Amino acid sequence: KKTVRIQLKNNPVVHAPPIGTEDMDDEKLAENAEAVLNAIINK
């Protein structure tokens, strides 16, 4: 329920379709975005 799956395949762009919904707090959405970004950077 808290997981997103992302992949880097044939194009140099990684999409994270849901990092949340528009009714969520801005700070919480930013923290979610940061978690995805850090996971990508670590790879």
ModelCIF file with pLDDT and N, C-alpha, C, O atoms, coordinates in Angstrom:
data_MODEL
#
_entry.id   MODEL 
#
_entity.id                         1 
_entity.type                       polymer 
_entity.pdbx_number_of_molecules   1 
#
_entity_poly.entity_id                      1 
_entity_poly.type                           'polypeptide(L)' 
_entity_poly.nstd_linkage                   no 
_entity_poly.nstd_monomer                   no 
_entity_poly.pdbx_seq_one_letter_code       KKTVRIQLKNNPVVHAPPIGTEDMDDEKLAENAEAVLNAIINK 
_entity_poly.pdbx_seq_one_letter_code_can   KKTVRIQLKNNPVVHAPPIGTEDMDDEKLAENAEAVLNAIINK 
_entity_poly.pdbx_strand_id                 A 
#
loop_
_entity_poly_seq.entity_id 
_entity_poly_seq.num 
_entity_poly_seq.mon_id 
_entity_poly_seq.hetero 
1 1  LYS n 
1 2  LYS n 
1 3  THR n 
1 4  VAL n 
1 5  ARG n 
1 6  ILE n 
1 7  GLN n 
1 8  LEU n 
1 9  LYS n 
1 10 ASN n 
1 11 ASN n 
1 12 PRO n 
1 13 VAL n 
1 14 VAL n 
1 15 HIS n 
1 16 ALA n 
1 17 PRO n 
1 18 PRO n 
1 19 ILE n 
1 20 GLY n 
1 21 THR n 
1 22 GLU n 
1 23 ASP n 
1 24 MET n 
1 25 ASP n 
1 26 ASP n 
1 27 GLU n 
1 28 LYS n 
1 29 LEU n 
1 30 ALA n 
1 31 GLU n 
1 32 ASN n 
1 33 ALA n 
1 34 GLU n 
1 35 ALA n 
1 36 VAL n 
1 37 LEU n 
1 38 ASN n 
1 39 ALA n 
1 40 ILE n 
1 41 ILE n 
1 42 ASN n 
1 43 LYS n 
#
_struct_asym.id          A 
_struct_asym.entity_id   1 
#
loop_
_ma_qa_metric.id 
_ma_qa_metric.mode 
_ma_qa_metric.name 
_ma_qa_metric.software_group_id 
_ma_qa_metric.type 
1 global pLDDT . pLDDT 
2 local  pLDDT . pLDDT 
#
_ma_qa_metric_global.metric_id      1 
_ma_qa_metric_global.metric_value   94.93 
_ma_qa_metric_global.model_id       1 
_ma_qa_metric_global.ordinal_id     1 
#
loop_
_ma_qa_metric_local.label_asym_id 
_ma_qa_metric_local.label_comp_id 
_ma_qa_metric_local.label_seq_id 
_ma_qa_metric_local.metric_id 
_ma_qa_metric_local.metric_value 
_ma_qa_metric_local.model_id 
_ma_qa_metric_local.ordinal_id 
A LYS 1  2 96.00 1 1  
A LYS 2  2 96.00 1 2  
A THR 3  2 96.00 1 3  
A VAL 4  2 96.00 1 4  
A ARG 5  2 95.00 1 5  
A ILE 6  2 95.00 1 6  
A GLN 7  2 94.00 1 7  
A LEU 8  2 95.00 1 8  
A LYS 9  2 91.00 1 9  
A ASN 10 2 91.00 1 10 
A ASN 11 2 94.00 1 11 
A PRO 12 2 97.00 1 12 
A VAL 13 2 97.00 1 13 
A VAL 14 2 96.00 1 14 
A HIS 15 2 94.00 1 15 
A ALA 16 2 89.00 1 16 
A PRO 17 2 83.00 1 17 
A PRO 18 2 92.00 1 18 
A ILE 19 2 96.00 1 19 
A GLY 20 2 97.00 1 20 
A THR 21 2 96.00 1 21 
A GLU 22 2 95.00 1 22 
A ASP 23 2 95.00 1 23 
A MET 24 2 97.00 1 24 
A ASP 25 2 97.00 1 25 
A ASP 26 2 97.00 1 26 
A GLU 27 2 97.00 1 27 
A LYS 28 2 97.00 1 28 
A LEU 29 2 97.00 1 29 
A ALA 30 2 97.00 1 30 
A GLU 31 2 96.00 1 31 
A ASN 32 2 97.00 1 32 
A ALA 33 2 96.00 1 33 
A GLU 34 2 95.00 1 34 
A ALA 35 2 95.00 1 35 
A VAL 36 2 96.00 1 36 
A LEU 37 2 95.00 1 37 
A ASN 38 2 94.00 1 38 
A ALA 39 2 95.00 1 39 
A ILE 40 2 95.00 1 40 
A ILE 41 2 95.00 1 41 
A ASN 42 2 94.00 1 42 
A LYS 43 2 94.00 1 43 
#
loop_
_atom_site.group_PDB 
_atom_site.id 
_atom_site.type_symbol 
_atom_site.label_atom_id 
_atom_site.label_alt_id 
_atom_site.label_comp_id 
_atom_site.label_asym_id 
_atom_site.label_entity_id 
_atom_site.label_seq_id 
_atom_site.pdbx_PDB_ins_code 
_atom_site.Cartn_x 
_atom_site.Cartn_y 
_atom_site.Cartn_z 
_atom_site.occupancy 
_atom_site.B_iso_or_equiv 
_atom_site.pdbx_formal_charge 
_atom_site.auth_seq_id 
_atom_site.auth_comp_id 
_atom_site.auth_asym_id 
_atom_site.auth_atom_id 
_atom_site.pdbx_PDB_model_num 
ATOM 1   N N  . LYS A 1 1  ? 0.821  -1.214 0.000   1.00 96.00 ? 1  LYS A N  1 
ATOM 2   C CA . LYS A 1 1  ? 0.000  0.000  0.000   1.00 96.00 ? 1  LYS A CA 1 
ATOM 3   C C  . LYS A 1 1  ? 0.853  1.261  0.000   1.00 96.00 ? 1  LYS A C  1 
ATOM 4   O O  . LYS A 1 1  ? 0.384  2.335  -0.376  1.00 96.00 ? 1  LYS A O  1 
ATOM 5   N N  . LYS A 1 2  ? 2.117  1.126  0.426   1.00 96.00 ? 2  LYS A N  1 
ATOM 6   C CA . LYS A 1 2  ? 3.024  2.281  0.465   1.00 96.00 ? 2  LYS A CA 1 
ATOM 7   C C  . LYS A 1 2  ? 4.112  2.202  -0.607  1.00 96.00 ? 2  LYS A C  1 
ATOM 8   O O  . LYS A 1 2  ? 5.015  3.039  -0.646  1.00 96.00 ? 2  LYS A O  1 
ATOM 9   N N  . THR A 1 3  ? 4.021  1.197  -1.470  1.00 96.00 ? 3  THR A N  1 
ATOM 10  C CA . THR A 1 3  ? 5.111  0.919  -2.406  1.00 96.00 ? 3  THR A CA 1 
ATOM 11  C C  . THR A 1 3  ? 4.835  1.443  -3.811  1.00 96.00 ? 3  THR A C  1 
ATOM 12  O O  . THR A 1 3  ? 3.707  1.393  -4.302  1.00 96.00 ? 3  THR A O  1 
ATOM 13  N N  . VAL A 1 4  ? 5.901  1.952  -4.450  1.00 96.00 ? 4  VAL A N  1 
ATOM 14  C CA . VAL A 1 4  ? 5.848  2.220  -5.897  1.00 96.00 ? 4  VAL A CA 1 
ATOM 15  C C  . VAL A 1 4  ? 6.953  1.408  -6.568  1.00 96.00 ? 4  VAL A C  1 
ATOM 16  O O  . VAL A 1 4  ? 8.049  1.252  -6.029  1.00 96.00 ? 4  VAL A O  1 
ATOM 17  N N  . ARG A 1 5  ? 6.642  0.904  -7.737  1.00 95.00 ? 5  ARG A N  1 
ATOM 18  C CA . ARG A 1 5  ? 7.644  0.187  -8.536  1.00 95.00 ? 5  ARG A CA 1 
ATOM 19  C C  . ARG A 1 5  ? 8.089  1.088  -9.669  1.00 95.00 ? 5  ARG A C  1 
ATOM 20  O O  . ARG A 1 5  ? 7.268  1.650  -10.394 1.00 95.00 ? 5  ARG A O  1 
ATOM 21  N N  . ILE A 1 6  ? 9.385  1.218  -9.809  1.00 95.00 ? 6  ILE A N  1 
ATOM 22  C CA . ILE A 1 6  ? 9.929  2.055  -10.889 1.00 95.00 ? 6  ILE A CA 1 
ATOM 23  C C  . ILE A 1 6  ? 10.978 1.243  -11.639 1.00 95.00 ? 6  ILE A C  1 
ATOM 24  O O  . ILE A 1 6  ? 11.553 0.297  -11.100 1.00 95.00 ? 6  ILE A O  1 
ATOM 25  N N  . GLN A 1 7  ? 11.217 1.627  -12.887 1.00 94.00 ? 7  GLN A N  1 
ATOM 26  C CA . GLN A 1 7  ? 12.232 0.915  -13.647 1.00 94.00 ? 7  GLN A CA 1 
ATOM 27  C C  . GLN A 1 7  ? 12.903 1.823  -14.661 1.00 94.00 ? 7  GLN A C  1 
ATOM 28  O O  . GLN A 1 7  ? 12.308 2.776  -15.163 1.00 94.00 ? 7  GLN A O  1 
ATOM 29  N N  . LEU A 1 8  ? 14.148 1.506  -14.947 1.00 95.00 ? 8  LEU A N  1 
ATOM 30  C CA . LEU A 1 8  ? 14.904 2.160  -16.008 1.00 95.00 ? 8  LEU A CA 1 
ATOM 31  C C  . LEU A 1 8  ? 15.151 1.097  -17.056 1.00 95.00 ? 8  LEU A C  1 
ATOM 32  O O  . LEU A 1 8  ? 15.823 0.098  -16.800 1.00 95.00 ? 8  LEU A O  1 
ATOM 33  N N  . LYS A 1 9  ? 14.598 1.321  -18.248 1.00 91.00 ? 9  LYS A N  1 
ATOM 34  C CA . LYS A 1 9  ? 14.650 0.284  -19.262 1.00 91.00 ? 9  LYS A CA 1 
ATOM 35  C C  . LYS A 1 9  ? 15.378 0.765  -20.515 1.00 91.00 ? 9  LYS A C  1 
ATOM 36  O O  . LYS A 1 9  ? 16.603 0.679  -20.602 1.00 91.00 ? 9  LYS A O  1 
ATOM 37  N N  . ASN A 1 10 ? 14.605 1.279  -21.497 1.00 91.00 ? 10 ASN A N  1 
ATOM 38  C CA . ASN A 1 10 ? 15.200 1.648  -22.788 1.00 91.00 ? 10 ASN A CA 1 
ATOM 39  C C  . ASN A 1 10 ? 15.448 3.136  -22.954 1.00 91.00 ? 10 ASN A C  1 
ATOM 40  O O  . ASN A 1 10 ? 16.242 3.539  -23.804 1.00 91.00 ? 10 ASN A O  1 
ATOM 41  N N  . ASN A 1 11 ? 14.784 3.952  -22.159 1.00 94.00 ? 11 ASN A N  1 
ATOM 42  C CA . ASN A 1 11 ? 14.940 5.406  -22.242 1.00 94.00 ? 11 ASN A CA 1 
ATOM 43  C C  . ASN A 1 11 ? 15.528 5.945  -20.953 1.00 94.00 ? 11 ASN A C  1 
ATOM 44  O O  . ASN A 1 11 ? 15.240 5.414  -19.880 1.00 94.00 ? 11 ASN A O  1 
ATOM 45  N N  . PRO A 1 12 ? 16.360 7.004  -21.030 1.00 97.00 ? 12 PRO A N  1 
ATOM 46  C CA . PRO A 1 12 ? 17.013 7.521  -19.817 1.00 97.00 ? 12 PRO A CA 1 
ATOM 47  C C  . PRO A 1 12 ? 16.091 8.389  -18.965 1.00 97.00 ? 12 PRO A C  1 
ATOM 48  O O  . PRO A 1 12 ? 16.446 9.502  -18.577 1.00 97.00 ? 12 PRO A O  1 
ATOM 49  N N  . VAL A 1 13 ? 14.909 7.864  -18.685 1.00 97.00 ? 13 VAL A N  1 
ATOM 50  C CA . VAL A 1 13 ? 13.968 8.578  -17.816 1.00 97.00 ? 13 VAL A CA 1 
ATOM 51  C C  . VAL A 1 13 ? 13.257 7.564  -16.929 1.00 97.00 ? 13 VAL A C  1 
ATOM 52  O O  . VAL A 1 13 ? 12.850 6.497  -17.388 1.00 97.00 ? 13 VAL A O  1 
ATOM 53  N N  . VAL A 1 14 ? 13.115 7.909  -15.662 1.00 96.00 ? 14 VAL A N  1 
ATOM 54  C CA . VAL A 1 14 ? 12.437 7.038  -14.701 1.00 96.00 ? 14 VAL A CA 1 
ATOM 55  C C  . VAL A 1 14 ? 11.147 7.728  -14.261 1.00 96.00 ? 14 VAL A C  1 
ATOM 56  O O  . VAL A 1 14 ? 11.177 8.858  -13.774 1.00 96.00 ? 14 VAL A O  1 
ATOM 57  N N  . HIS A 1 15 ? 10.021 7.048  -14.434 1.00 94.00 ? 15 HIS A N  1 
ATOM 58  C CA . HIS A 1 15 ? 8.729  7.595  -14.036 1.00 94.00 ? 15 HIS A CA 1 
ATOM 59  C C  . HIS A 1 15 ? 8.288  6.965  -12.717 1.00 94.00 ? 15 HIS A C  1 
ATOM 60  O O  . HIS A 1 15 ? 8.383  5.752  -12.530 1.00 94.00 ? 15 HIS A O  1 
ATOM 61  N N  . ALA A 1 16 ? 7.809  7.803  -11.817 1.00 89.00 ? 16 ALA A N  1 
ATOM 62  C CA . ALA A 1 16 ? 7.173  7.314  -10.593 1.00 89.00 ? 16 ALA A CA 1 
ATOM 63  C C  . ALA A 1 16 ? 5.729  7.775  -10.657 1.00 89.00 ? 16 ALA A C  1 
ATOM 64  O O  . ALA A 1 16 ? 5.408  8.880  -10.219 1.00 89.00 ? 16 ALA A O  1 
ATOM 65  N N  . PRO A 1 17 ? 4.842  6.923  -11.208 1.00 83.00 ? 17 PRO A N  1 
ATOM 66  C CA . PRO A 1 17 ? 3.467  7.375  -11.427 1.00 83.00 ? 17 PRO A CA 1 
ATOM 67  C C  . PRO A 1 17 ? 2.790  7.902  -10.164 1.00 83.00 ? 17 PRO A C  1 
ATOM 68  O O  . PRO A 1 17 ? 2.275  9.019  -10.203 1.00 83.00 ? 17 PRO A O  1 
ATOM 69  N N  . PRO A 1 18 ? 2.756  7.170  -9.041  1.00 92.00 ? 18 PRO A N  1 
ATOM 70  C CA . PRO A 1 18 ? 2.201  7.844  -7.873  1.00 92.00 ? 18 PRO A CA 1 
ATOM 71  C C  . PRO A 1 18 ? 3.277  8.096  -6.822  1.00 92.00 ? 18 PRO A C  1 
ATOM 72  O O  . PRO A 1 18 ? 3.897  7.155  -6.326  1.00 92.00 ? 18 PRO A O  1 
ATOM 73  N N  . ILE A 1 19 ? 3.499  9.374  -6.481  1.00 96.00 ? 19 ILE A N  1 
ATOM 74  C CA . ILE A 1 19 ? 4.268  9.647  -5.250  1.00 96.00 ? 19 ILE A CA 1 
ATOM 75  C C  . ILE A 1 19 ? 3.290  10.157 -4.198  1.00 96.00 ? 19 ILE A C  1 
ATOM 76  O O  . ILE A 1 19 ? 3.683  10.571 -3.108  1.00 96.00 ? 19 ILE A O  1 
ATOM 77  N N  . GLY A 1 20 ? 1.991  10.116 -4.557  1.00 97.00 ? 20 GLY A N  1 
ATOM 78  C CA . GLY A 1 20 ? 0.945  10.543 -3.650  1.00 97.00 ? 20 GLY A CA 1 
ATOM 79  C C  . GLY A 1 20 ? -0.230 11.091 -4.438  1.00 97.00 ? 20 GLY A C  1 
ATOM 80  O O  . GLY A 1 20 ? -0.344 10.870 -5.643  1.00 97.00 ? 20 GLY A O  1 
ATOM 81  N N  . THR A 1 21 ? -1.100 11.807 -3.745  1.00 96.00 ? 21 THR A N  1 
ATOM 82  C CA . THR A 1 21 ? -2.259 12.427 -4.389  1.00 96.00 ? 21 THR A CA 1 
ATOM 83  C C  . THR A 1 21 ? -2.296 13.915 -4.031  1.00 96.00 ? 21 THR A C  1 
ATOM 84  O O  . THR A 1 21 ? -1.700 14.345 -3.044  1.00 96.00 ? 21 THR A O  1 
ATOM 85  N N  . GLU A 1 22 ? -3.002 14.685 -4.850  1.00 95.00 ? 22 GLU A N  1 
ATOM 86  C CA . GLU A 1 22 ? -2.983 16.143 -4.703  1.00 95.00 ? 22 GLU A CA 1 
ATOM 87  C C  . GLU A 1 22 ? -3.562 16.640 -3.384  1.00 95.00 ? 22 GLU A C  1 
ATOM 88  O O  . GLU A 1 22 ? -3.303 17.777 -2.989  1.00 95.00 ? 22 GLU A O  1 
ATOM 89  N N  . ASP A 1 23 ? -4.346 15.804 -2.693  1.00 95.00 ? 23 ASP A N  1 
ATOM 90  C CA . ASP A 1 23 ? -4.904 16.246 -1.420  1.00 95.00 ? 23 ASP A CA 1 
ATOM 91  C C  . ASP A 1 23 ? -3.970 15.987 -0.233  1.00 95.00 ? 23 ASP A C  1 
ATOM 92  O O  . ASP A 1 23 ? -4.322 16.272 0.912   1.00 95.00 ? 23 ASP A O  1 
ATOM 93  N N  . MET A 1 24 ? -2.773 15.444 -0.512  1.00 97.00 ? 24 MET A N  1 
ATOM 94  C CA . MET A 1 24 ? -1.789 15.218 0.542   1.00 97.00 ? 24 MET A CA 1 
ATOM 95  C C  . MET A 1 24 ? -1.012 16.493 0.847   1.00 97.00 ? 24 MET A C  1 
ATOM 96  O O  . MET A 1 24 ? -0.918 17.396 0.016   1.00 97.00 ? 24 MET A O  1 
ATOM 97  N N  . ASP A 1 25 ? -0.460 16.548 2.048   1.00 97.00 ? 25 ASP A N  1 
ATOM 98  C CA . ASP A 1 25 ? 0.351  17.678 2.492   1.00 97.00 ? 25 ASP A CA 1 
ATOM 99  C C  . ASP A 1 25 ? 1.592  17.837 1.596   1.00 97.00 ? 25 ASP A C  1 
ATOM 100 O O  . ASP A 1 25 ? 2.204  16.844 1.202   1.00 97.00 ? 25 ASP A O  1 
ATOM 101 N N  . ASP A 1 26 ? 1.957  19.084 1.279   1.00 97.00 ? 26 ASP A N  1 
ATOM 102 C CA . ASP A 1 26 ? 3.097  19.360 0.391   1.00 97.00 ? 26 ASP A CA 1 
ATOM 103 C C  . ASP A 1 26 ? 4.394  18.759 0.915   1.00 97.00 ? 26 ASP A C  1 
ATOM 104 O O  . ASP A 1 26 ? 5.164  18.168 0.158   1.00 97.00 ? 26 ASP A O  1 
ATOM 105 N N  . GLU A 1 27 ? 4.627  18.911 2.204   1.00 97.00 ? 27 GLU A N  1 
ATOM 106 C CA . GLU A 1 27 ? 5.857  18.386 2.814   1.00 97.00 ? 27 GLU A CA 1 
ATOM 107 C C  . GLU A 1 27 ? 5.930  16.861 2.692   1.00 97.00 ? 27 GLU A C  1 
ATOM 108 O O  . GLU A 1 27 ? 6.988  16.297 2.413   1.00 97.00 ? 27 GLU A O  1 
ATOM 109 N N  . LYS A 1 28 ? 4.790  16.213 2.907   1.00 97.00 ? 28 LYS A N  1 
ATOM 110 C CA . LYS A 1 28 ? 4.770  14.748 2.819   1.00 97.00 ? 28 LYS A CA 1 
ATOM 111 C C  . LYS A 1 28 ? 5.004  14.274 1.387   1.00 97.00 ? 28 LYS A C  1 
ATOM 112 O O  . LYS A 1 28 ? 5.697  13.282 1.160   1.00 97.00 ? 28 LYS A O  1 
ATOM 113 N N  . LEU A 1 29 ? 4.427  14.985 0.429   1.00 97.00 ? 29 LEU A N  1 
ATOM 114 C CA . LEU A 1 29 ? 4.671  14.647 -0.977  1.00 97.00 ? 29 LEU A CA 1 
ATOM 115 C C  . LEU A 1 29 ? 6.148  14.836 -1.326  1.00 97.00 ? 29 LEU A C  1 
ATOM 116 O O  . LEU A 1 29 ? 6.735  14.030 -2.048  1.00 97.00 ? 29 LEU A O  1 
ATOM 117 N N  . ALA A 1 30 ? 6.738  15.912 -0.804  1.00 97.00 ? 30 ALA A N  1 
ATOM 118 C CA . ALA A 1 30 ? 8.161  16.168 -1.061  1.00 97.00 ? 30 ALA A CA 1 
ATOM 119 C C  . ALA A 1 30 ? 9.041  15.071 -0.463  1.00 97.00 ? 30 ALA A C  1 
ATOM 120 O O  . ALA A 1 30 ? 10.035 14.668 -1.066  1.00 97.00 ? 30 ALA A O  1 
ATOM 121 N N  . GLU A 1 31 ? 8.671  14.590 0.725   1.00 96.00 ? 31 GLU A N  1 
ATOM 122 C CA . GLU A 1 31 ? 9.435  13.497 1.351   1.00 96.00 ? 31 GLU A CA 1 
ATOM 123 C C  . GLU A 1 31 ? 9.307  12.209 0.541   1.00 96.00 ? 31 GLU A C  1 
ATOM 124 O O  . GLU A 1 31 ? 10.270 11.455 0.402   1.00 96.00 ? 31 GLU A O  1 
ATOM 125 N N  . ASN A 1 32 ? 8.118  11.965 0.013   1.00 97.00 ? 32 ASN A N  1 
ATOM 126 C CA . ASN A 1 32 ? 7.927  10.801 -0.861  1.00 97.00 ? 32 ASN A CA 1 
ATOM 127 C C  . ASN A 1 32 ? 8.789  10.927 -2.117  1.00 97.00 ? 32 ASN A C  1 
ATOM 128 O O  . ASN A 1 32 ? 9.437  9.969  -2.539  1.00 97.00 ? 32 ASN A O  1 
ATOM 129 N N  . ALA A 1 33 ? 8.786  12.133 -2.710  1.00 96.00 ? 33 ALA A N  1 
ATOM 130 C CA . ALA A 1 33 ? 9.601  12.383 -3.909  1.00 96.00 ? 33 ALA A CA 1 
ATOM 131 C C  . ALA A 1 33 ? 11.079 12.172 -3.605  1.00 96.00 ? 33 ALA A C  1 
ATOM 132 O O  . ALA A 1 33 ? 11.819 11.605 -4.410  1.00 96.00 ? 33 ALA A O  1 
ATOM 133 N N  . GLU A 1 34 ? 11.488 12.631 -2.447  1.00 95.00 ? 34 GLU A N  1 
ATOM 134 C CA . GLU A 1 34 ? 12.890 12.493 -2.029  1.00 95.00 ? 34 GLU A CA 1 
ATOM 135 C C  . GLU A 1 34 ? 13.279 11.026 -1.875  1.00 95.00 ? 34 GLU A C  1 
ATOM 136 O O  . GLU A 1 34 ? 14.383 10.629 -2.248  1.00 95.00 ? 34 GLU A O  1 
ATOM 137 N N  . ALA A 1 35 ? 12.374 10.224 -1.326  1.00 95.00 ? 35 ALA A N  1 
ATOM 138 C CA . ALA A 1 35 ? 12.649 8.789  -1.158  1.00 95.00 ? 35 ALA A CA 1 
ATOM 139 C C  . ALA A 1 35 ? 12.877 8.117  -2.506  1.00 95.00 ? 35 ALA A C  1 
ATOM 140 O O  . ALA A 1 35 ? 13.788 7.302  -2.651  1.00 95.00 ? 35 ALA A O  1 
ATOM 141 N N  . VAL A 1 36 ? 12.039 8.461  -3.504  1.00 96.00 ? 36 VAL A N  1 
ATOM 142 C CA . VAL A 1 36 ? 12.192 7.890  -4.852  1.00 96.00 ? 36 VAL A CA 1 
ATOM 143 C C  . VAL A 1 36 ? 13.495 8.370  -5.475  1.00 96.00 ? 36 VAL A C  1 
ATOM 144 O O  . VAL A 1 36 ? 14.250 7.586  -6.051  1.00 96.00 ? 36 VAL A O  1 
ATOM 145 N N  . LEU A 1 37 ? 13.746 9.659  -5.350  1.00 95.00 ? 37 LEU A N  1 
ATOM 146 C CA . LEU A 1 37 ? 14.958 10.249 -5.939  1.00 95.00 ? 37 LEU A CA 1 
ATOM 147 C C  . LEU A 1 37 ? 16.223 9.622  -5.357  1.00 95.00 ? 37 LEU A C  1 
ATOM 148 O O  . LEU A 1 37 ? 17.157 9.298  -6.090  1.00 95.00 ? 37 LEU A O  1 
ATOM 149 N N  . ASN A 1 38 ? 16.247 9.453  -4.036  1.00 94.00 ? 38 ASN A N  1 
ATOM 150 C CA . ASN A 1 38 ? 17.415 8.848  -3.390  1.00 94.00 ? 38 ASN A CA 1 
ATOM 151 C C  . ASN A 1 38 ? 17.624 7.406  -3.828  1.00 94.00 ? 38 ASN A C  1 
ATOM 152 O O  . ASN A 1 38 ? 18.757 6.963  -4.013  1.00 94.00 ? 38 ASN A O  1 
ATOM 153 N N  . ALA A 1 39 ? 16.519 6.672  -3.993  1.00 95.00 ? 39 ALA A N  1 
ATOM 154 C CA . ALA A 1 39 ? 16.619 5.276  -4.437  1.00 95.00 ? 39 ALA A CA 1 
ATOM 155 C C  . ALA A 1 39 ? 17.230 5.201  -5.836  1.00 95.00 ? 39 ALA A C  1 
ATOM 156 O O  . ALA A 1 39 ? 18.050 4.327  -6.117  1.00 95.00 ? 39 ALA A O  1 
ATOM 157 N N  . ILE A 1 40 ? 16.824 6.127  -6.712  1.00 95.00 ? 40 ILE A N  1 
ATOM 158 C CA . ILE A 1 40 ? 17.373 6.163  -8.079  1.00 95.00 ? 40 ILE A CA 1 
ATOM 159 C C  . ILE A 1 40 ? 18.850 6.546  -8.052  1.00 95.00 ? 40 ILE A C  1 
ATOM 160 O O  . ILE A 1 40 ? 19.680 5.903  -8.695  1.00 95.00 ? 40 ILE A O  1 
ATOM 161 N N  . ILE A 1 41 ? 19.166 7.598  -7.305  1.00 95.00 ? 41 ILE A N  1 
ATOM 162 C CA . ILE A 1 41 ? 20.556 8.079  -7.219  1.00 95.00 ? 41 ILE A CA 1 
ATOM 163 C C  . ILE A 1 41 ? 21.486 6.980  -6.718  1.00 95.00 ? 41 ILE A C  1 
ATOM 164 O O  . ILE A 1 41 ? 22.612 6.837  -7.195  1.00 95.00 ? 41 ILE A O  1 
ATOM 165 N N  . ASN A 1 42 ? 20.998 6.200  -5.742  1.00 94.00 ? 42 ASN A N  1 
ATOM 166 C CA . ASN A 1 42 ? 21.819 5.110  -5.181  1.00 94.00 ? 42 ASN A CA 1 
ATOM 167 C C  . ASN A 1 42 ? 22.130 4.010  -6.196  1.00 94.00 ? 42 ASN A C  1 
ATOM 168 O O  . ASN A 1 42 ? 23.082 3.249  -6.019  1.00 94.00 ? 42 ASN A O  1 
ATOM 169 N N  . LYS A 1 43 ? 21.321 3.926  -7.269  1.00 94.00 ? 43 LYS A N  1 
ATOM 170 C CA . LYS A 1 43 ? 21.551 2.910  -8.303  1.00 94.00 ? 43 LYS A CA 1 
ATOM 171 C C  . LYS A 1 43 ? 22.487 3.401  -9.412  1.00 94.00 ? 43 LYS A C  1 
ATOM 172 O O  . LYS A 1 43 ? 22.774 2.658  -10.350 1.00 94.00 ? 43 LYS A O  1 
#
